[in-house]
Structures are given as structure tokens and as C-alpha cells.
């Protein structure tokens, strides 16, 4: 119940605040949530969004540190952090967290999707193809970035 109240009163209107450019209040609302639920997936994604829009890529780092210190066993938190690190140019560090996420939860497709993207970015297409195959095996049916999709097409020809 407390989670629902927190989401309703603090997170549900954050996208509107971001659209309006009220980043300070958006950050306060996200912080409120992360101070109580340190690994809240939507709050972590929202703080990443603010970081991207305000061009402050280090903004989410302390929140991820707390989330991973508090809950090192959660694959999704590692996966989100790994994806974000890749997006801000820290691909090798991101790969470490994405691999950890895949090891923590063998049934979760997200780490494999994001590993495929990271491997494309780091110039390792053979590993990206394997991750695409694994994500699909685990049921992933979403869209792929063009670079990853091109690798998937190539892998079907082999």
C-alpha cells in the first residue's frame, strides 16, 4: 500500500513535470521515492531521463550505488544500471552489470536485450547475435535498434 501511495503522490506526475521543464521538482519527487524504495525501476528510469535532458549524466550514479548496495541480488537493477552506463559511454563497466544481471536471473530477457546492444556498440557482433538469440528464447518480442536488427538478420542466414 505504501508503494502505491508513493507512486501516486510522487511518481505519477513526474513526466508532466519533465515536460514542463520543472526538473528540480521532478528530481525531488523521484528522490522521495528512491529514498524509500531505493531500487524502484521506474524512479531509476526517470532520474536517467532527467539526467539526459539536463546533460548531467552523473546524476543517477549515487542512486544506483545505493540501490545496488541495498539490493545486490536484484537482476533488474543491475540490468538498468548496465544499460545506462552503456548509454553514457561507459560500456565496459555496463557490460559487467549486464552480465551480472543475466547471471542473477536466467529467465529475465532484459539483460540479454541490453547486452546485445552493448556488444554492438563495443564492436563484438558475434556476442551480440548470441544475446539476441537468448533474449528471443526467453520470450522477448520487442523492437530492436537497427544495428542489432541487422545482426539478427545476418544470424538467420548462418
Protein backbone atom coordinates (compact mmCIF):
# COMPACT_ATOMS: atom_id res chain seq x y z
CA UNK A 1 0.00 0.00 0.00
CA UNK A 2 2.83 2.39 0.84
CA UNK A 3 4.38 1.72 -2.56
CA UNK A 4 1.10 2.57 -4.30
CA UNK A 5 0.74 5.79 -2.30
CA UNK A 6 4.32 6.79 -3.03
CA UNK A 7 3.87 6.15 -6.75
CA UNK A 8 0.56 8.00 -6.88
CA UNK A 9 1.74 11.06 -4.96
CA UNK A 10 5.35 11.30 -6.12
CA UNK A 11 5.99 9.47 -9.39
CA UNK A 12 2.79 9.58 -11.40
CA UNK A 13 3.14 13.26 -12.25
CA UNK A 14 6.92 13.34 -12.83
CA UNK A 15 6.63 13.03 -16.62
CA UNK A 16 4.40 16.12 -16.62
CA UNK A 17 6.99 18.00 -14.58
CA UNK A 18 9.69 16.94 -17.01
CA UNK A 19 7.55 18.06 -19.97
CA UNK A 20 7.09 21.44 -18.27
CA UNK A 21 10.84 21.70 -17.66
CA UNK A 22 10.47 21.69 -13.88
CA UNK A 23 13.45 19.42 -13.36
CA UNK A 24 14.14 20.49 -9.77
CA UNK A 25 10.69 19.46 -8.57
CA UNK A 26 10.82 16.31 -10.73
CA UNK A 27 14.11 15.34 -9.07
CA UNK A 28 12.64 15.95 -5.59
CA UNK A 29 9.70 13.67 -6.38
CA UNK A 30 11.99 10.97 -7.74
CA UNK A 31 14.32 11.32 -4.75
CA UNK A 32 11.40 10.89 -2.37
CA UNK A 33 10.60 7.58 -3.99
CA UNK A 34 14.22 6.39 -4.16
CA UNK A 35 14.83 7.31 -0.52
CA UNK A 36 12.11 4.83 0.43
CA UNK A 37 12.36 2.27 -2.40
CA UNK A 38 15.99 2.58 -3.48
CA UNK A 39 15.72 0.17 -6.41
CA UNK A 40 12.36 1.34 -7.80
CA UNK A 41 12.72 0.64 -11.55
CA UNK A 42 10.52 3.47 -12.81
CA UNK A 43 12.09 6.03 -10.47
CA UNK A 44 15.56 5.00 -11.65
CA UNK A 45 14.49 5.34 -15.29
CA UNK A 46 13.00 8.76 -14.57
CA UNK A 47 16.19 10.02 -12.91
CA UNK A 48 18.06 8.83 -16.03
CA UNK A 49 15.62 10.81 -18.18
CA UNK A 50 16.24 13.96 -16.16
CA UNK A 51 19.99 13.35 -16.35
CA UNK A 52 19.83 13.05 -20.13
CA UNK A 53 17.68 16.14 -20.60
CA UNK A 54 19.74 18.27 -18.23
CA UNK A 55 23.02 16.92 -19.63
CA UNK A 56 24.18 15.75 -16.18
CA UNK A 57 25.00 12.08 -16.85
CA UNK A 58 26.36 11.51 -13.34
CA UNK A 59 23.02 12.41 -11.71
CA UNK A 60 21.74 8.80 -11.37
CA UNK A 61 25.04 7.37 -10.13
CA UNK A 62 24.55 7.86 -6.38
CA UNK A 63 21.02 6.46 -6.64
CA UNK A 64 22.24 3.35 -8.43
CA UNK A 65 25.02 2.94 -5.88
CA UNK A 66 22.51 2.96 -3.04
CA UNK A 67 20.12 0.67 -4.93
CA UNK A 68 22.85 -1.87 -5.65
CA UNK A 69 24.29 -1.63 -2.13
CA UNK A 70 20.82 -2.19 -0.65
CA UNK A 71 19.70 -4.86 -3.13
CA UNK A 72 22.65 -6.51 -4.88
CA UNK A 73 20.51 -9.57 -5.57
CA UNK A 74 18.11 -7.83 -7.98
CA UNK A 75 18.93 -8.54 -11.61
CA UNK A 76 16.75 -5.76 -12.99
CA UNK A 77 18.62 -3.09 -11.04
CA UNK A 78 21.95 -4.36 -12.37
CA UNK A 79 20.50 -4.53 -15.88
CA UNK A 80 19.14 -0.99 -15.78
CA UNK A 81 22.42 0.34 -14.45
CA UNK A 82 24.41 -1.56 -17.05
CA UNK A 83 22.23 -0.23 -19.86
CA UNK A 84 22.57 3.32 -18.57
CA UNK A 85 26.35 3.04 -18.26
CA UNK A 86 26.48 1.93 -21.88
CA UNK A 87 24.37 4.89 -22.93
CA UNK A 88 26.74 7.37 -21.30
CA UNK A 89 29.86 5.86 -22.82
CA UNK A 90 30.96 3.53 -20.04
CA UNK A 91 30.26 0.34 -21.98
CA UNK A 92 32.81 -1.97 -20.35
CA UNK A 93 31.54 -1.11 -16.87
CA UNK A 94 28.00 -1.51 -18.17
CA UNK A 95 28.78 -4.95 -19.57
CA UNK A 96 29.87 -6.07 -16.10
CA UNK A 97 26.48 -5.19 -14.63
CA UNK A 98 24.54 -6.61 -17.56
CA UNK A 99 26.40 -9.93 -17.28
CA UNK A 100 25.75 -9.96 -13.54
CA UNK A 101 22.05 -9.36 -14.18
CA UNK A 102 21.91 -12.26 -16.64
CA UNK A 103 23.63 -14.50 -14.09
CA UNK A 104 21.29 -13.44 -11.26
CA UNK A 105 18.09 -14.15 -13.18
CA UNK A 106 18.37 -16.64 -16.01
CA UNK A 107 14.72 -16.07 -17.01
CA UNK A 108 14.91 -12.28 -17.42
CA UNK A 109 15.22 -11.21 -21.09
CA UNK A 110 16.13 -7.54 -20.45
CA UNK A 111 19.82 -8.13 -19.66
CA UNK A 112 20.21 -10.07 -22.90
CA UNK A 113 18.48 -7.38 -24.95
CA UNK A 114 20.73 -4.72 -23.45
CA UNK A 115 23.82 -6.95 -23.71
CA UNK A 116 23.14 -7.30 -27.45
CA UNK A 117 23.01 -3.52 -27.77
CA UNK A 118 26.20 -3.10 -25.71
CA UNK A 119 28.05 -5.69 -27.76
CA UNK A 120 27.07 -3.90 -30.96
CA UNK A 121 28.37 -0.63 -29.51
CA UNK A 122 31.65 -2.25 -28.49
CA UNK A 123 32.19 -3.93 -31.84
CA UNK A 124 31.51 -7.53 -30.85
CA UNK A 125 28.76 -8.64 -33.23
CA UNK A 126 29.25 -12.38 -32.65
CA UNK A 127 28.41 -11.91 -28.96
CA UNK A 128 25.51 -9.61 -29.83
CA UNK A 129 23.97 -12.31 -32.04
CA UNK A 130 24.16 -14.82 -29.17
CA UNK A 131 22.40 -12.36 -26.85
CA UNK A 132 19.68 -11.70 -29.43
CA UNK A 133 19.08 -15.43 -29.67
CA UNK A 134 18.96 -15.79 -25.89
CA UNK A 135 16.55 -12.86 -25.47
CA UNK A 136 14.23 -14.36 -28.09
CA UNK A 137 14.49 -17.77 -26.43
CA UNK A 138 13.36 -16.13 -23.19
CA UNK A 139 10.34 -14.63 -24.94
CA UNK A 140 11.46 -11.13 -25.92
CA UNK A 141 9.27 -9.89 -28.79
CA UNK A 142 10.02 -6.17 -28.68
CA UNK A 143 11.73 -3.94 -31.19
CA UNK A 144 15.48 -3.94 -31.72
CA UNK A 145 17.65 -0.99 -32.68
CA UNK A 146 18.54 -1.05 -36.39
CA UNK A 147 22.15 -2.14 -35.73
CA UNK A 148 21.05 -5.11 -33.62
CA UNK A 149 18.26 -6.00 -36.03
CA UNK A 150 20.76 -6.14 -38.89
CA UNK A 151 22.84 -8.62 -36.87
CA UNK A 152 19.78 -10.73 -36.21
CA UNK A 153 19.02 -10.91 -39.93
CA UNK A 154 22.61 -11.98 -40.58
CA UNK A 155 22.43 -14.66 -37.89
CA UNK A 156 19.40 -16.26 -39.56
CA UNK A 157 21.42 -16.79 -42.76
CA UNK A 158 24.10 -18.83 -40.98
